[in-house]
Amino acid sequence: MNASPAERPLPVVDADSARFWAALRDRKLTVQRCGTCGRHVFYPRALCPNCHAELVDWVECSGRGTVYSYTVARRPAGPAFAADAPYVVALVDLDEGVRMLTNVVSTPLENVRIGARVVVRFTDVAEGITLPLFELAPDPLPTDSSAREGTA
């Protein structure tokens, strides 16, 4: 990501997402977990989308996931992203069971594949704003379920 911070649109930090952004500044990827049904939730919100209970827990994630889908943006999404084109926009399924829209960085575009394992990389983009971007995992990383089953 090459554009200067002054050129980039920045995320809106609100009451629901403030703890998420604060954790990212500390190099921790967190999601909410419903105190009633136990499901992980992303994006940050006031109510669980599964059981509609008020969300109370924030938990740190492993930072591991799998590319669910992706596209290569060859035309930038505006002037602020022109220096980055082409770049990968991806949906990543975190091992905790939530899906996140992000970028896959630090790899040749042709190496990105659906099903590829990725790990989080924290990138400071402005004062107090850190983004969770992802890069291809250096070695195959087991999913939580395969780790429990003793397979890699």
Protein backbone atom coordinates (compact mmCIF):
# COMPACT_ATOMS: atom_id res chain seq x y z
CA MET A 1 0.00 0.00 0.00
CA ASN A 2 1.89 3.00 -1.27
CA ALA A 3 -0.32 6.13 -1.21
CA SER A 4 0.31 8.67 1.50
CA PRO A 5 -2.02 8.55 4.51
CA ALA A 6 -3.42 11.98 3.64
CA GLU A 7 -4.73 10.63 0.32
CA ARG A 8 -6.42 7.49 1.64
CA PRO A 9 -9.94 7.15 2.94
CA LEU A 10 -9.71 5.98 6.54
CA PRO A 11 -12.04 3.71 8.47
CA VAL A 12 -14.68 5.29 10.67
CA VAL A 13 -14.03 4.41 14.30
CA ASP A 14 -17.32 4.33 16.18
CA ALA A 15 -18.57 3.01 19.52
CA ASP A 16 -19.03 -0.52 18.15
CA SER A 17 -15.63 -0.75 16.45
CA ALA A 18 -13.34 1.27 18.78
CA ARG A 19 -12.02 -1.81 20.62
CA PHE A 20 -11.29 -3.56 17.30
CA TRP A 21 -9.18 -0.61 16.07
CA ALA A 22 -7.45 -0.22 19.44
CA ALA A 23 -6.41 -3.88 19.40
CA LEU A 24 -5.03 -3.53 15.87
CA ARG A 25 -2.81 -0.66 17.05
CA ASP A 26 -1.43 -3.16 19.58
CA ARG A 27 -0.84 -5.70 16.78
CA LYS A 28 -3.73 -7.93 17.86
CA LEU A 29 -6.53 -9.10 15.59
CA THR A 30 -9.74 -9.39 17.59
CA VAL A 31 -13.36 -10.24 16.90
CA GLN A 32 -16.44 -10.27 19.06
CA ARG A 33 -17.81 -13.45 20.60
CA CYS A 34 -21.40 -13.66 21.68
CA GLY A 35 -21.73 -14.27 25.41
CA THR A 36 -24.99 -16.14 24.81
CA CYS A 37 -24.50 -18.46 21.81
CA GLY A 38 -20.68 -18.39 21.70
CA ARG A 39 -20.41 -17.54 17.99
CA HIS A 40 -17.64 -15.32 16.70
CA VAL A 41 -18.82 -12.14 14.99
CA PHE A 42 -17.25 -9.79 12.49
CA TYR A 43 -17.81 -6.87 11.66
CA PRO A 44 -18.13 -5.19 15.10
CA ARG A 45 -21.73 -4.54 16.12
CA ALA A 46 -24.01 -4.19 19.13
CA LEU A 47 -26.09 -7.36 18.65
CA CYS A 48 -25.23 -10.93 17.71
CA PRO A 49 -26.52 -11.64 14.18
CA ASN A 50 -27.21 -15.25 15.21
CA CYS A 51 -29.22 -14.97 18.44
CA HIS A 52 -29.69 -11.17 18.73
CA ALA A 53 -28.13 -11.05 22.19
CA GLU A 54 -25.95 -8.12 23.19
CA LEU A 55 -22.32 -8.88 22.40
CA VAL A 56 -20.00 -8.65 25.36
CA ASP A 57 -16.73 -10.47 24.65
CA TRP A 58 -13.76 -9.52 22.51
CA VAL A 59 -11.32 -12.33 21.78
CA GLU A 60 -7.95 -12.37 20.09
CA CYS A 61 -7.79 -14.33 16.84
CA SER A 62 -5.03 -16.60 15.62
CA GLY A 63 -4.44 -14.31 12.63
CA ARG A 64 -4.72 -17.32 10.33
CA GLY A 65 -7.22 -17.92 7.60
CA THR A 66 -8.04 -19.13 4.12
CA VAL A 67 -8.74 -17.14 0.96
CA TYR A 68 -12.45 -17.66 0.27
CA SER A 69 -12.47 -15.52 -2.88
CA TYR A 70 -10.42 -12.73 -4.42
CA THR A 71 -10.05 -10.41 -7.35
CA VAL A 72 -7.12 -8.52 -8.77
CA ALA A 73 -7.93 -4.82 -9.01
CA ARG A 74 -6.06 -3.66 -12.07
CA ARG A 75 -7.89 -0.32 -12.07
CA PRO A 76 -7.57 1.44 -8.73
CA ALA A 77 -10.60 2.22 -6.60
CA GLY A 78 -9.75 5.89 -6.91
CA PRO A 79 -6.68 8.13 -7.11
CA ALA A 80 -5.56 7.25 -3.58
CA PHE A 81 -4.98 3.64 -4.67
CA ALA A 82 -3.39 4.30 -8.09
CA ALA A 83 0.16 3.60 -6.93
CA ASP A 84 -0.90 0.21 -5.56
CA ALA A 85 -2.56 -1.13 -8.72
CA PRO A 86 -2.69 -3.94 -9.44
CA TYR A 87 -3.61 -5.25 -5.98
CA VAL A 88 -5.52 -8.17 -4.50
CA VAL A 89 -8.85 -7.63 -2.75
CA ALA A 90 -9.88 -10.79 -0.91
CA LEU A 91 -12.47 -12.34 1.33
CA VAL A 92 -10.59 -14.26 4.01
CA ASP A 93 -12.25 -16.84 6.23
CA LEU A 94 -10.53 -16.59 9.59
CA ASP A 95 -9.99 -19.86 11.44
CA GLU A 96 -12.38 -18.53 14.07
CA GLY A 97 -15.25 -18.77 11.56
CA VAL A 98 -15.79 -15.20 10.39
CA ARG A 99 -15.16 -13.68 6.97
CA MET A 100 -13.18 -10.47 6.50
CA LEU A 101 -12.74 -8.22 3.46
CA THR A 102 -9.07 -7.32 3.17
CA ASN A 103 -6.04 -7.24 0.88
CA VAL A 104 -3.48 -9.95 0.24
CA VAL A 105 -0.09 -8.26 0.09
CA SER A 106 3.63 -9.08 -0.22
CA THR A 107 3.22 -11.79 -2.82
CA PRO A 108 3.14 -12.01 -6.59
CA LEU A 109 -0.47 -11.65 -7.75
CA GLU A 110 -0.36 -14.93 -9.63
CA ASN A 111 0.41 -16.84 -6.41
CA VAL A 112 -2.91 -15.95 -4.77
CA ARG A 113 -5.47 -18.76 -5.02
CA ILE A 114 -8.83 -19.64 -3.54
CA GLY A 115 -8.10 -21.92 -0.61
CA ALA A 116 -4.63 -20.48 0.01
CA ARG A 117 -3.64 -20.20 3.65
CA VAL A 118 -2.86 -16.67 4.85
CA VAL A 119 -1.59 -14.94 7.98
CA VAL A 120 -2.32 -11.43 9.22
CA ARG A 121 0.15 -8.61 8.71
CA PHE A 122 -0.46 -5.35 10.54
CA THR A 123 0.06 -2.22 8.47
CA ASP A 124 0.01 1.30 9.90
CA VAL A 125 -1.75 3.62 7.43
CA ALA A 126 -2.29 6.77 9.50
CA GLU A 127 -1.80 8.08 13.01
CA GLY A 128 -3.68 5.60 15.23
CA ILE A 129 -4.99 3.48 12.34
CA THR A 130 -3.61 0.01 11.67
CA LEU A 131 -5.12 -2.32 9.07
CA PRO A 132 -5.19 -6.12 9.20
CA LEU A 133 -3.85 -7.13 5.80
CA PHE A 134 -2.89 -10.68 4.93
CA GLU A 135 -0.04 -12.44 3.19
CA LEU A 136 0.34 -15.99 2.00
CA ALA A 137 1.45 -18.29 4.79
CA PRO A 138 5.12 -19.29 4.39
CA ASP A 139 4.26 -22.93 5.15
CA PRO A 140 0.93 -24.67 5.06
CA LEU A 141 -0.90 -23.79 8.26
CA PRO A 142 -3.39 -26.26 9.63
CA THR A 143 -6.96 -25.14 10.18
CA ASP A 144 -8.21 -25.35 13.74
CA SER A 145 -10.19 -28.50 12.91
CA SER A 146 -7.25 -30.30 11.28
CA ALA A 147 -5.02 -29.35 14.22
CA ARG A 148 -7.53 -30.95 16.61
CA GLU A 149 -7.64 -34.08 14.46
CA GLY A 150 -3.85 -34.32 14.46
CA THR A 151 -3.42 -33.73 10.72
CA ALA A 152 -1.51 -30.98 9.00
